[in-house]
C-alpha atoms as a PDB file:
ATOM      1  CA  MET A   1      84.031 105.559  92.557  1.00  0.00           C
ATOM      2  CA  SER A   2      85.709 102.608  90.662  1.00  0.00           C
ATOM      3  CA  HIS A   3      87.552 100.100  92.785  1.00  0.00           C
ATOM      4  CA  ARG A   4      90.299  97.680  91.889  1.00  0.00           C
ATOM      5  CA  ARG A   5      90.753  94.188  92.770  1.00  0.00           C
ATOM      6  CA  ARG A   6      93.727  91.891  91.764  1.00  0.00           C
ATOM      7  CA  ILE A   7      92.946  88.303  90.675  1.00  0.00           C
ATOM      8  CA  ARG A   8      95.715  85.722  90.582  1.00  0.00           C
ATOM      9  CA  LEU A   9      95.021  83.447  87.733  1.00  0.00           C
ATOM     10  CA  SER A  10      95.728  79.687  87.510  1.00  0.00           C
ATOM     11  CA  GLU A  11      96.678  77.420  84.830  1.00  0.00           C
ATOM     12  CA  ARG A  12      93.069  76.675  84.576  1.00  0.00           C
ATOM     13  CA  ASP A  13      92.114  80.186  83.759  1.00  0.00           C
ATOM     14  CA  ALA A  14      95.058  80.718  81.078  1.00  0.00           C
ATOM     15  CA  MET A  15      94.710  79.609  77.451  1.00  0.00           C
ATOM     16  CA  GLU A  16      97.273  80.230  74.620  1.00  0.00           C
ATOM     17  CA  GLY A  17      97.408  83.890  74.010  1.00  0.00           C
ATOM     18  CA  GLY A  18      94.813  84.923  76.622  1.00  0.00           C
ATOM     19  CA  ILE A  19      92.665  84.226  79.645  1.00  0.00           C
ATOM     20  CA  ARG A  20      89.028  83.537  80.656  1.00  0.00           C
ATOM     21  CA  CYS A  21      87.251  86.607  81.935  1.00  0.00           C
ATOM     22  CA  PRO A  22      86.947  86.097  85.950  1.00  0.00           C
ATOM     23  CA  ASN A  23      83.379  87.854  85.644  1.00  0.00           C
ATOM     24  CA  CYS A  24      81.464  86.492  82.621  1.00  0.00           C
ATOM     25  CA  GLY A  25      83.744  83.526  81.614  1.00  0.00           C
ATOM     26  CA  SER A  26      84.360  84.516  78.003  1.00  0.00           C
ATOM     27  CA  TYR A  27      87.973  83.879  76.366  1.00  0.00           C
ATOM     28  CA  THR A  28      89.656  87.222  75.896  1.00  0.00           C
ATOM     29  CA  SER A  29      93.022  87.654  74.102  1.00  0.00           C
ATOM     30  CA  PHE A  30      95.742  89.435  76.071  1.00  0.00           C
ATOM     31  CA  VAL A  31      95.904  91.681  72.886  1.00  0.00           C
ATOM     32  CA  ASP A  32      92.311  92.731  73.246  1.00  0.00           C
ATOM     33  CA  ILE A  33      92.837  93.436  76.988  1.00  0.00           C
ATOM     34  CA  LEU A  34      95.843  95.695  76.169  1.00  0.00           C
ATOM     35  CA  ALA A  35      94.071  97.437  73.161  1.00  0.00           C
ATOM     36  CA  THR A  36      90.519  97.959  74.870  1.00  0.00           C
ATOM     37  CA  GLU A  37      90.707  97.177  78.619  1.00  0.00           C
ATOM     38  CA  ARG A  38      87.802  94.894  78.286  1.00  0.00           C
ATOM     39  CA  CYS A  39      86.677  91.371  77.725  1.00  0.00           C
ATOM     40  CA  ARG A  40      84.805  89.925  74.809  1.00  0.00           C
ATOM     41  CA  GLY A  41      81.597  89.828  76.898  1.00  0.00           C
ATOM     42  CA  VAL A  42      81.087  93.493  76.883  1.00  0.00           C
ATOM     43  CA  LEU A  43      79.996  93.083  72.908  1.00  0.00           C
ATOM     44  CA  SER A  44      77.040  91.200  73.946  1.00  0.00           C
ATOM     45  CA  GLY A  45      76.375  93.371  77.092  1.00  0.00           C
ATOM     46  CA  GLU A  46      77.102  90.575  79.393  1.00  0.00           C
ATOM     47  CA  CYS A  47      80.199  91.952  81.239  1.00  0.00           C
ATOM     48  CA  GLU A  48      80.941  95.481  82.275  1.00  0.00           C
ATOM     49  CA  LEU A  49      84.490  94.336  83.962  1.00  0.00           C
ATOM     50  CA  ARG A  50      87.607  96.407  82.975  1.00  0.00           C
ATOM     51  CA  LEU A  51      90.811  94.411  82.546  1.00  0.00           C
ATOM     52  CA  SER A  52      94.345  95.120  82.657  1.00  0.00           C
ATOM     53  CA  LEU A  53      97.585  93.322  82.868  1.00  0.00           C
ATOM     54  CA  ASP A  54     100.673  93.699  84.901  1.00  0.00           C
ATOM     55  CA  LEU A  55     103.939  92.044  83.823  1.00  0.00           C
ATOM     56  CA  VAL A  56     105.915  90.794  86.612  1.00  0.00           C
ATOM     57  CA  VAL A  57     109.835  90.240  85.621  1.00  0.00           C
ATOM     58  CA  GLU A  58     111.916  88.366  88.245  1.00  0.00           C
ATOM     59  CA  HIS A  59     115.524  87.775  87.606  1.00  0.00           C
ATOM     60  CA  ASP A  60     117.802  85.839  90.060  1.00  0.00           C
ATOM     61  CA  THR A  61     121.242  87.448  89.095  1.00  0.00           C
ATOM     62  CA  GLU A  62     122.487  91.064  88.504  1.00  0.00           C
ATOM     63  CA  PRO A  63     119.624  93.555  87.006  1.00  0.00           C
ATOM     64  CA  ILE A  64     119.331  93.497  83.272  1.00  0.00           C
ATOM     65  CA  ASP A  65     119.789  97.050  81.584  1.00  0.00           C
ATOM     66  CA  VAL A  66     116.947  97.256  79.018  1.00  0.00           C
ATOM     67  CA  ASP A  67     117.277  99.760  76.163  1.00  0.00           C
ATOM     68  CA  ALA A  68     113.779 100.588  74.871  1.00  0.00           C
ATOM     69  CA  ASP A  69     115.144 101.937  71.806  1.00  0.00           C
ATOM     70  CA  GLY A  70     116.750  98.703  70.715  1.00  0.00           C
END
């Protein structure tokens, strides 16, 4: 049974375009996380952690209507 844990990352963990894996410490780009759900440490066998990203959008005024088709 897989279990999920959310980790709030700090500025120290973030790098331009990616993060440091909370398990093995390797740098992984956001694009790699979206495409593979894994960090770069999986290539060397050092990490079996699965990663995913949640996007949180907050807006202080009225809601924005977003048209996905452009």
